[in-house]
Amino acid sequence: MPPKGVLVLRYAVEELLVAGWDNPFRRRASEIASAFEGVFRASGQLEAAGIVHTLTLLLEIEPPEAAMLGKHLEVKLQELLGRLEKCPGEGGVQTG
């Protein structure tokens, strides 16, 4: 089971996808991802930080572009979240 904090990020991304890439949900997910990136970098978990950085960049995609990417964007976000949940050493992060 992934750490509680990573589940908070997953839920934020899933809410965003359900909300149709609505800006308030996008900002919330992006802020959570940015916070995780800083935590992971500070704790030396560079693999996890890199994954979250990629998530953060994808979360910056504007709604019209996200609509054009369609299901491909959702698949990539889910893939990155899955990789993050399997990262070694990230279990120490218990925010949320």
N, C-alpha and C. Protein backbone atom coordinates (compact mmCIF):
# COMPACT_ATOMS: atom_id res chain seq x y z
N MET A 1 0.86 -1.19 0.00
CA MET A 1 0.00 0.00 0.00
C MET A 1 0.89 1.24 0.00
N PRO A 2 0.59 2.20 -0.88
CA PRO A 2 1.41 3.41 -0.93
C PRO A 2 1.23 4.26 0.31
N PRO A 3 2.22 5.10 0.60
CA PRO A 3 2.11 6.01 1.74
C PRO A 3 0.91 6.94 1.60
N LYS A 4 0.39 7.37 2.72
CA LYS A 4 -0.78 8.24 2.75
C LYS A 4 -0.59 9.48 1.89
N GLY A 5 0.56 10.09 1.95
CA GLY A 5 0.79 11.31 1.19
C GLY A 5 0.67 11.12 -0.30
N VAL A 6 1.19 10.00 -0.79
CA VAL A 6 1.11 9.73 -2.23
C VAL A 6 -0.34 9.49 -2.63
N LEU A 7 -1.11 8.91 -1.74
CA LEU A 7 -2.54 8.73 -2.03
C LEU A 7 -3.25 10.07 -2.17
N VAL A 8 -2.84 11.06 -1.39
CA VAL A 8 -3.43 12.40 -1.52
C VAL A 8 -3.17 12.95 -2.92
N LEU A 9 -1.97 12.76 -3.43
CA LEU A 9 -1.65 13.21 -4.78
C LEU A 9 -2.47 12.43 -5.80
N ARG A 10 -2.56 11.12 -5.63
CA ARG A 10 -3.35 10.31 -6.56
C ARG A 10 -4.80 10.79 -6.58
N TYR A 11 -5.40 11.00 -5.41
CA TYR A 11 -6.79 11.46 -5.34
C TYR A 11 -6.96 12.82 -6.02
N ALA A 12 -6.01 13.71 -5.84
CA ALA A 12 -6.09 15.03 -6.47
C ALA A 12 -6.06 14.91 -7.99
N VAL A 13 -5.20 14.04 -8.50
CA VAL A 13 -5.12 13.84 -9.95
C VAL A 13 -6.41 13.18 -10.46
N GLU A 14 -6.91 12.21 -9.74
CA GLU A 14 -8.14 11.54 -10.16
C GLU A 14 -9.33 12.50 -10.13
N GLU A 15 -9.39 13.37 -9.12
CA GLU A 15 -10.45 14.40 -9.08
C GLU A 15 -10.34 15.31 -10.30
N LEU A 16 -9.13 15.67 -10.65
CA LEU A 16 -8.90 16.53 -11.81
C LEU A 16 -9.43 15.87 -13.07
N LEU A 17 -9.13 14.60 -13.24
CA LEU A 17 -9.58 13.90 -14.44
C LEU A 17 -11.10 13.81 -14.50
N VAL A 18 -11.74 13.56 -13.36
CA VAL A 18 -13.21 13.51 -13.31
C VAL A 18 -13.81 14.88 -13.59
N ALA A 19 -13.13 15.93 -13.12
CA ALA A 19 -13.63 17.30 -13.28
C ALA A 19 -13.38 17.85 -14.68
N GLY A 20 -12.80 17.06 -15.56
CA GLY A 20 -12.59 17.52 -16.93
C GLY A 20 -11.50 18.56 -17.05
N TRP A 21 -10.46 18.44 -16.22
CA TRP A 21 -9.29 19.32 -16.28
C TRP A 21 -9.66 20.75 -15.91
N ASP A 22 -10.61 20.90 -15.00
CA ASP A 22 -11.05 22.20 -14.52
C ASP A 22 -9.91 22.88 -13.75
N ASN A 23 -9.71 24.17 -13.98
CA ASN A 23 -8.56 24.88 -13.42
C ASN A 23 -8.38 24.79 -11.90
N PRO A 24 -9.43 24.93 -11.08
CA PRO A 24 -9.19 24.81 -9.63
C PRO A 24 -8.64 23.44 -9.25
N PHE A 25 -9.13 22.39 -9.88
CA PHE A 25 -8.64 21.05 -9.60
C PHE A 25 -7.22 20.87 -10.13
N ARG A 26 -6.95 21.48 -11.26
CA ARG A 26 -5.61 21.40 -11.85
C ARG A 26 -4.60 22.11 -10.96
N ARG A 27 -4.95 23.28 -10.45
CA ARG A 27 -4.05 24.02 -9.55
C ARG A 27 -3.79 23.24 -8.27
N ARG A 28 -4.84 22.64 -7.71
CA ARG A 28 -4.68 21.87 -6.48
C ARG A 28 -3.73 20.70 -6.70
N ALA A 29 -3.95 19.93 -7.75
CA ALA A 29 -3.08 18.79 -8.03
C ALA A 29 -1.65 19.25 -8.29
N SER A 30 -1.50 20.35 -8.99
CA SER A 30 -0.17 20.87 -9.30
C SER A 30 0.55 21.34 -8.03
N GLU A 31 -0.16 21.99 -7.13
CA GLU A 31 0.45 22.44 -5.88
C GLU A 31 0.89 21.26 -5.02
N ILE A 32 0.07 20.23 -4.96
CA ILE A 32 0.44 19.03 -4.19
C ILE A 32 1.67 18.37 -4.81
N ALA A 33 1.67 18.24 -6.13
CA ALA A 33 2.81 17.63 -6.82
C ALA A 33 4.08 18.45 -6.60
N SER A 34 3.98 19.76 -6.68
CA SER A 34 5.15 20.62 -6.47
C SER A 34 5.70 20.45 -5.05
N ALA A 35 4.81 20.37 -4.09
CA ALA A 35 5.25 20.17 -2.70
C ALA A 35 5.98 18.84 -2.55
N PHE A 36 5.44 17.80 -3.15
CA PHE A 36 6.10 16.50 -3.09
C PHE A 36 7.46 16.53 -3.75
N GLU A 37 7.55 17.22 -4.87
CA GLU A 37 8.85 17.29 -5.56
C GLU A 37 9.90 17.87 -4.62
N GLY A 38 9.56 18.94 -3.92
CA GLY A 38 10.50 19.55 -2.98
C GLY A 38 10.87 18.63 -1.84
N VAL A 39 9.89 17.92 -1.31
CA VAL A 39 10.14 16.98 -0.21
C VAL A 39 11.06 15.86 -0.68
N PHE A 40 10.75 15.30 -1.84
CA PHE A 40 11.57 14.20 -2.35
C PHE A 40 13.00 14.65 -2.63
N ARG A 41 13.15 15.83 -3.23
CA ARG A 41 14.51 16.34 -3.51
C ARG A 41 15.28 16.56 -2.21
N ALA A 42 14.62 17.18 -1.24
CA ALA A 42 15.28 17.49 0.02
C ALA A 42 15.70 16.22 0.77
N SER A 43 14.94 15.15 0.59
CA SER A 43 15.27 13.91 1.29
C SER A 43 16.14 12.97 0.45
N GLY A 44 16.60 13.46 -0.71
CA GLY A 44 17.51 12.68 -1.53
C GLY A 44 16.85 11.58 -2.35
N GLN A 45 15.55 11.61 -2.47
CA GLN A 45 14.82 10.61 -3.25
C GLN A 45 14.64 11.13 -4.68
N LEU A 46 15.74 11.09 -5.43
CA LEU A 46 15.78 11.74 -6.73
C LEU A 46 14.90 11.07 -7.77
N GLU A 47 14.76 9.76 -7.70
CA GLU A 47 13.87 9.08 -8.66
C GLU A 47 12.43 9.56 -8.47
N ALA A 48 11.98 9.57 -7.23
CA ALA A 48 10.62 10.03 -6.93
C ALA A 48 10.46 11.51 -7.31
N ALA A 49 11.47 12.31 -7.03
CA ALA A 49 11.40 13.74 -7.38
C ALA A 49 11.28 13.92 -8.89
N GLY A 50 12.00 13.11 -9.66
CA GLY A 50 11.93 13.19 -11.12
C GLY A 50 10.55 12.81 -11.64
N ILE A 51 9.96 11.79 -11.07
CA ILE A 51 8.62 11.36 -11.48
C ILE A 51 7.61 12.46 -11.18
N VAL A 52 7.71 13.03 -9.98
CA VAL A 52 6.76 14.09 -9.60
C VAL A 52 6.99 15.34 -10.44
N HIS A 53 8.23 15.62 -10.81
CA HIS A 53 8.50 16.76 -11.68
C HIS A 53 7.80 16.58 -13.03
N THR A 54 7.87 15.38 -13.57
CA THR A 54 7.18 15.09 -14.82
C THR A 54 5.67 15.25 -14.66
N LEU A 55 5.13 14.76 -13.55
CA LEU A 55 3.70 14.95 -13.26
C LEU A 55 3.35 16.43 -13.22
N THR A 56 4.18 17.21 -12.55
CA THR A 56 3.94 18.65 -12.43
C THR A 56 3.90 19.31 -13.80
N LEU A 57 4.83 18.93 -14.67
CA LEU A 57 4.84 19.50 -16.02
C LEU A 57 3.58 19.13 -16.79
N LEU A 58 3.12 17.90 -16.65
CA LEU A 58 1.89 17.50 -17.33
C LEU A 58 0.68 18.23 -16.77
N LEU A 59 0.69 18.51 -15.48
CA LEU A 59 -0.43 19.22 -14.86
C LEU A 59 -0.50 20.68 -15.29
N GLU A 60 0.56 21.19 -15.88
CA GLU A 60 0.57 22.57 -16.38
C GLU A 60 -0.08 22.70 -17.75
N ILE A 61 -0.40 21.58 -18.38
CA ILE A 61 -1.05 21.62 -19.69
C ILE A 61 -2.41 22.30 -19.56
N GLU A 62 -2.65 23.24 -20.42
CA GLU A 62 -3.91 23.99 -20.40
C GLU A 62 -5.07 23.11 -20.84
N PRO A 63 -6.30 23.40 -20.36
CA PRO A 63 -7.46 22.56 -20.68
C PRO A 63 -7.67 22.26 -22.18
N PRO A 64 -7.52 23.24 -23.09
CA PRO A 64 -7.73 22.89 -24.50
C PRO A 64 -6.73 21.84 -25.02
N GLU A 65 -5.48 21.97 -24.57
CA GLU A 65 -4.47 21.00 -24.99
C GLU A 65 -4.73 19.64 -24.34
N ALA A 66 -5.18 19.66 -23.08
CA ALA A 66 -5.50 18.41 -22.39
C ALA A 66 -6.64 17.69 -23.11
N ALA A 67 -7.61 18.45 -23.58
CA ALA A 67 -8.73 17.86 -24.31
C ALA A 67 -8.24 17.21 -25.61
N MET A 68 -7.30 17.84 -26.27
CA MET A 68 -6.75 17.27 -27.51
C MET A 68 -5.99 15.97 -27.24
N LEU A 69 -5.30 15.91 -26.11
CA LEU A 69 -4.55 14.70 -25.76
C LEU A 69 -5.46 13.57 -25.31
N GLY A 70 -6.61 13.94 -24.76
CA GLY A 70 -7.62 12.96 -24.39
C GLY A 70 -7.12 11.89 -23.43
N LYS A 71 -7.47 10.67 -23.74
CA LYS A 71 -7.17 9.52 -22.87
C LYS A 71 -5.66 9.31 -22.71
N HIS A 72 -4.86 9.73 -23.69
CA HIS A 72 -3.41 9.55 -23.62
C HIS A 72 -2.82 10.25 -22.40
N LEU A 73 -3.33 11.42 -22.09
CA LEU A 73 -2.84 12.17 -20.92
C LEU A 73 -3.21 11.43 -19.63
N GLU A 74 -4.42 10.96 -19.55
CA GLU A 74 -4.84 10.21 -18.36
C GLU A 74 -3.98 8.96 -18.17
N VAL A 75 -3.71 8.25 -19.25
CA VAL A 75 -2.90 7.03 -19.16
C VAL A 75 -1.50 7.36 -18.65
N LYS A 76 -0.93 8.43 -19.15
CA LYS A 76 0.42 8.82 -18.72
C LYS A 76 0.43 9.23 -17.25
N LEU A 77 -0.56 9.99 -16.82
CA LEU A 77 -0.64 10.39 -15.41
C LEU A 77 -0.76 9.17 -14.51
N GLN A 78 -1.61 8.23 -14.89
CA GLN A 78 -1.78 7.02 -14.08
C GLN A 78 -0.49 6.20 -14.06
N GLU A 79 0.19 6.14 -15.17
CA GLU A 79 1.47 5.42 -15.24
C GLU A 79 2.50 6.04 -14.29
N LEU A 80 2.59 7.35 -14.30
CA LEU A 80 3.54 8.03 -13.43
C LEU A 80 3.19 7.84 -11.96
N LEU A 81 1.91 7.91 -11.63
CA LEU A 81 1.49 7.69 -10.24
C LEU A 81 1.84 6.27 -9.80
N GLY A 82 1.62 5.31 -10.67
CA GLY A 82 1.98 3.93 -10.36
C GLY A 82 3.47 3.77 -10.11
N ARG A 83 4.29 4.41 -10.95
CA ARG A 83 5.74 4.37 -10.75
C ARG A 83 6.13 5.03 -9.44
N LEU A 84 5.49 6.14 -9.11
CA LEU A 84 5.79 6.84 -7.86
C LEU A 84 5.47 5.96 -6.65
N GLU A 85 4.36 5.27 -6.72
CA GLU A 85 3.95 4.41 -5.61
C GLU A 85 4.91 3.25 -5.40
N LYS A 86 5.65 2.89 -6.42
CA LYS A 86 6.60 1.77 -6.33
C LYS A 86 8.04 2.22 -6.07
N CYS A 87 8.27 3.51 -5.98
CA CYS A 87 9.64 4.02 -5.77
C CYS A 87 10.20 3.53 -4.44
N PRO A 88 11.41 3.02 -4.47
CA PRO A 88 12.04 2.62 -3.20
C PRO A 88 12.38 3.84 -2.36
N GLY A 89 12.18 3.72 -1.08
CA GLY A 89 12.60 4.78 -0.18
C GLY A 89 11.62 5.91 0.00
N GLU A 90 10.51 5.93 -0.77
CA GLU A 90 9.60 7.06 -0.62
C GLU A 90 8.58 6.81 0.47
N GLY A 91 8.65 5.67 1.11
CA GLY A 91 7.70 5.34 2.16
C GLY A 91 7.80 6.23 3.37
N GLY A 92 8.90 6.98 3.52
CA GLY A 92 9.05 7.85 4.67
C GLY A 92 8.24 9.11 4.59
N VAL A 93 7.67 9.41 3.43
CA VAL A 93 6.90 10.63 3.29
C VAL A 93 5.47 10.34 3.71
N GLN A 94 5.05 10.97 4.79
CA GLN A 94 3.72 10.71 5.33
C GLN A 94 2.94 12.01 5.49
N THR A 95 2.95 12.87 4.47
CA THR A 95 2.19 14.12 4.55
C THR A 95 0.74 13.82 4.25
N GLY A 96 -0.11 14.81 4.51
CA GLY A 96 -1.51 14.66 4.13
C GLY A 96 -2.35 14.56 5.29
